[in-house]
N, C-alpha and C. Protein backbone atom coordinates (compact mmCIF):
# COMPACT_ATOMS: atom_id res chain seq x y z
N MET A 1 1.09 12.93 -0.02
CA MET A 1 1.12 13.04 1.42
C MET A 1 2.20 14.04 1.80
N ALA A 2 1.91 14.92 2.72
CA ALA A 2 2.86 15.93 3.16
C ALA A 2 4.06 15.29 3.84
N THR A 3 5.21 15.95 3.73
CA THR A 3 6.44 15.41 4.31
C THR A 3 6.29 15.14 5.80
N GLU A 4 5.65 16.05 6.53
CA GLU A 4 5.48 15.86 7.96
C GLU A 4 4.68 14.59 8.25
N LYS A 5 3.66 14.38 7.45
CA LYS A 5 2.82 13.19 7.62
C LYS A 5 3.62 11.92 7.34
N ILE A 6 4.47 11.94 6.32
CA ILE A 6 5.29 10.78 5.98
C ILE A 6 6.23 10.47 7.14
N LYS A 7 6.86 11.50 7.69
CA LYS A 7 7.77 11.28 8.80
C LYS A 7 7.04 10.72 10.02
N GLU A 8 5.86 11.24 10.29
CA GLU A 8 5.06 10.73 11.42
C GLU A 8 4.71 9.26 11.20
N GLU A 9 4.29 8.92 9.99
CA GLU A 9 3.92 7.54 9.68
C GLU A 9 5.14 6.62 9.74
N ALA A 10 6.29 7.10 9.27
CA ALA A 10 7.51 6.29 9.34
C ALA A 10 7.87 6.01 10.79
N HIS A 11 7.76 7.02 11.64
CA HIS A 11 8.03 6.82 13.07
C HIS A 11 7.05 5.82 13.66
N ARG A 12 5.80 5.92 13.26
CA ARG A 12 4.78 5.00 13.79
C ARG A 12 5.08 3.56 13.35
N LEU A 13 5.47 3.39 12.09
CA LEU A 13 5.81 2.05 11.60
C LEU A 13 6.97 1.45 12.40
N VAL A 14 7.99 2.24 12.62
CA VAL A 14 9.15 1.77 13.36
C VAL A 14 8.76 1.45 14.80
N ASP A 15 8.00 2.32 15.42
CA ASP A 15 7.58 2.11 16.82
C ASP A 15 6.75 0.85 16.98
N ASN A 16 6.01 0.47 15.94
CA ASN A 16 5.14 -0.71 16.03
C ASN A 16 5.85 -2.02 15.69
N LEU A 17 7.09 -1.96 15.26
CA LEU A 17 7.84 -3.18 14.97
C LEU A 17 8.25 -3.85 16.28
N SER A 18 8.39 -5.16 16.23
CA SER A 18 8.86 -5.89 17.41
C SER A 18 10.34 -5.60 17.63
N GLU A 19 10.82 -5.88 18.81
CA GLU A 19 12.23 -5.67 19.12
C GLU A 19 13.13 -6.57 18.27
N GLN A 20 12.59 -7.67 17.78
CA GLN A 20 13.36 -8.61 16.97
C GLN A 20 13.25 -8.33 15.47
N ALA A 21 12.63 -7.24 15.10
CA ALA A 21 12.39 -6.93 13.69
C ALA A 21 13.70 -6.80 12.92
N THR A 22 13.64 -7.19 11.67
CA THR A 22 14.79 -7.08 10.78
C THR A 22 14.56 -5.92 9.81
N TRP A 23 15.60 -5.60 9.05
CA TRP A 23 15.45 -4.59 8.00
C TRP A 23 14.38 -5.02 7.00
N GLU A 24 14.32 -6.33 6.72
CA GLU A 24 13.31 -6.84 5.80
C GLU A 24 11.90 -6.60 6.34
N ASP A 25 11.73 -6.77 7.64
CA ASP A 25 10.42 -6.50 8.26
C ASP A 25 10.02 -5.05 8.07
N LEU A 26 10.97 -4.15 8.30
CA LEU A 26 10.70 -2.72 8.12
C LEU A 26 10.37 -2.42 6.66
N MET A 27 11.14 -2.97 5.74
CA MET A 27 10.89 -2.73 4.32
C MET A 27 9.52 -3.25 3.89
N GLN A 28 9.13 -4.40 4.44
CA GLN A 28 7.81 -4.95 4.12
C GLN A 28 6.71 -4.01 4.61
N GLU A 29 6.85 -3.49 5.82
CA GLU A 29 5.85 -2.56 6.35
C GLU A 29 5.76 -1.29 5.50
N ILE A 30 6.90 -0.78 5.08
CA ILE A 30 6.92 0.41 4.23
C ILE A 30 6.26 0.11 2.89
N TYR A 31 6.58 -1.04 2.30
CA TYR A 31 6.01 -1.41 1.01
C TYR A 31 4.49 -1.55 1.11
N ILE A 32 4.03 -2.21 2.15
CA ILE A 32 2.58 -2.40 2.33
C ILE A 32 1.89 -1.05 2.47
N ARG A 33 2.46 -0.18 3.30
CA ARG A 33 1.87 1.14 3.51
C ARG A 33 1.81 1.93 2.20
N GLN A 34 2.90 1.88 1.42
CA GLN A 34 2.95 2.61 0.15
C GLN A 34 1.94 2.04 -0.83
N ALA A 35 1.80 0.72 -0.88
CA ALA A 35 0.84 0.09 -1.79
C ALA A 35 -0.59 0.50 -1.44
N ILE A 36 -0.89 0.55 -0.17
CA ILE A 36 -2.23 0.97 0.27
C ILE A 36 -2.48 2.42 -0.11
N GLU A 37 -1.51 3.30 0.17
CA GLU A 37 -1.65 4.72 -0.16
C GLU A 37 -1.84 4.90 -1.66
N SER A 38 -1.07 4.17 -2.46
CA SER A 38 -1.17 4.27 -3.91
C SER A 38 -2.54 3.78 -4.40
N GLY A 39 -3.00 2.68 -3.84
CA GLY A 39 -4.31 2.16 -4.22
C GLY A 39 -5.44 3.10 -3.87
N LEU A 40 -5.36 3.70 -2.70
CA LEU A 40 -6.39 4.67 -2.30
C LEU A 40 -6.38 5.89 -3.23
N ALA A 41 -5.18 6.36 -3.58
CA ALA A 41 -5.09 7.50 -4.49
C ALA A 41 -5.67 7.15 -5.86
N ASP A 42 -5.37 5.96 -6.36
CA ASP A 42 -5.94 5.53 -7.64
C ASP A 42 -7.46 5.46 -7.57
N SER A 43 -7.97 4.92 -6.49
CA SER A 43 -9.41 4.81 -6.32
C SER A 43 -10.07 6.19 -6.30
N GLU A 44 -9.49 7.10 -5.52
CA GLU A 44 -10.05 8.45 -5.43
C GLU A 44 -10.00 9.19 -6.76
N ALA A 45 -9.01 8.87 -7.59
CA ALA A 45 -8.86 9.53 -8.89
C ALA A 45 -9.62 8.81 -10.00
N GLY A 46 -10.32 7.72 -9.64
CA GLY A 46 -11.10 7.00 -10.64
C GLY A 46 -10.26 6.10 -11.54
N ARG A 47 -9.05 5.76 -11.12
CA ARG A 47 -8.18 4.91 -11.93
C ARG A 47 -8.31 3.45 -11.50
N THR A 48 -9.52 2.95 -11.56
CA THR A 48 -9.77 1.55 -11.19
C THR A 48 -10.60 0.89 -12.28
N LEU A 49 -10.61 -0.43 -12.26
CA LEU A 49 -11.43 -1.20 -13.19
C LEU A 49 -12.38 -2.09 -12.40
N ASP A 50 -13.51 -2.34 -12.97
CA ASP A 50 -14.46 -3.28 -12.39
C ASP A 50 -13.88 -4.69 -12.51
N VAL A 51 -14.20 -5.55 -11.57
CA VAL A 51 -13.70 -6.93 -11.58
C VAL A 51 -14.05 -7.63 -12.89
N LYS A 52 -15.24 -7.40 -13.42
CA LYS A 52 -15.64 -8.03 -14.67
C LYS A 52 -14.74 -7.59 -15.82
N GLU A 53 -14.34 -6.31 -15.82
CA GLU A 53 -13.44 -5.81 -16.86
C GLU A 53 -12.08 -6.49 -16.78
N VAL A 54 -11.57 -6.66 -15.58
CA VAL A 54 -10.26 -7.30 -15.39
C VAL A 54 -10.33 -8.76 -15.84
N ARG A 55 -11.39 -9.45 -15.44
CA ARG A 55 -11.54 -10.86 -15.83
C ARG A 55 -11.62 -10.98 -17.35
N ALA A 56 -12.36 -10.10 -17.99
CA ALA A 56 -12.48 -10.14 -19.45
C ALA A 56 -11.14 -9.85 -20.11
N ARG A 57 -10.41 -8.89 -19.58
CA ARG A 57 -9.12 -8.51 -20.15
C ARG A 57 -8.13 -9.66 -20.11
N TYR A 58 -8.16 -10.44 -19.04
CA TYR A 58 -7.22 -11.54 -18.89
C TYR A 58 -7.85 -12.92 -19.16
N HIS A 59 -9.03 -12.88 -19.76
CA HIS A 59 -9.73 -14.11 -20.14
C HIS A 59 -9.89 -15.07 -18.96
N LEU A 60 -10.29 -14.53 -17.83
CA LEU A 60 -10.52 -15.34 -16.62
C LEU A 60 -12.00 -15.66 -16.49
N PRO A 61 -12.34 -16.80 -15.95
CA PRO A 61 -13.76 -17.14 -15.76
C PRO A 61 -14.39 -16.23 -14.71
N GLU A 62 -15.67 -16.00 -14.87
CA GLU A 62 -16.38 -15.14 -13.91
C GLU A 62 -16.90 -15.93 -12.80
């Protein structure tokens, strides 16, 4: 993501916080946003596994 876009998104995250928000609230919003961005990038790059593959890898019932 371009630096300008990151700054815009950071401003948007802060603007959307409640007046009573804590630093932890801000950090949670940043973490969630980063996790979503990372997941989307992995998906677009084909770095994902099918649910059946994950269940088999961890010996989980289907």
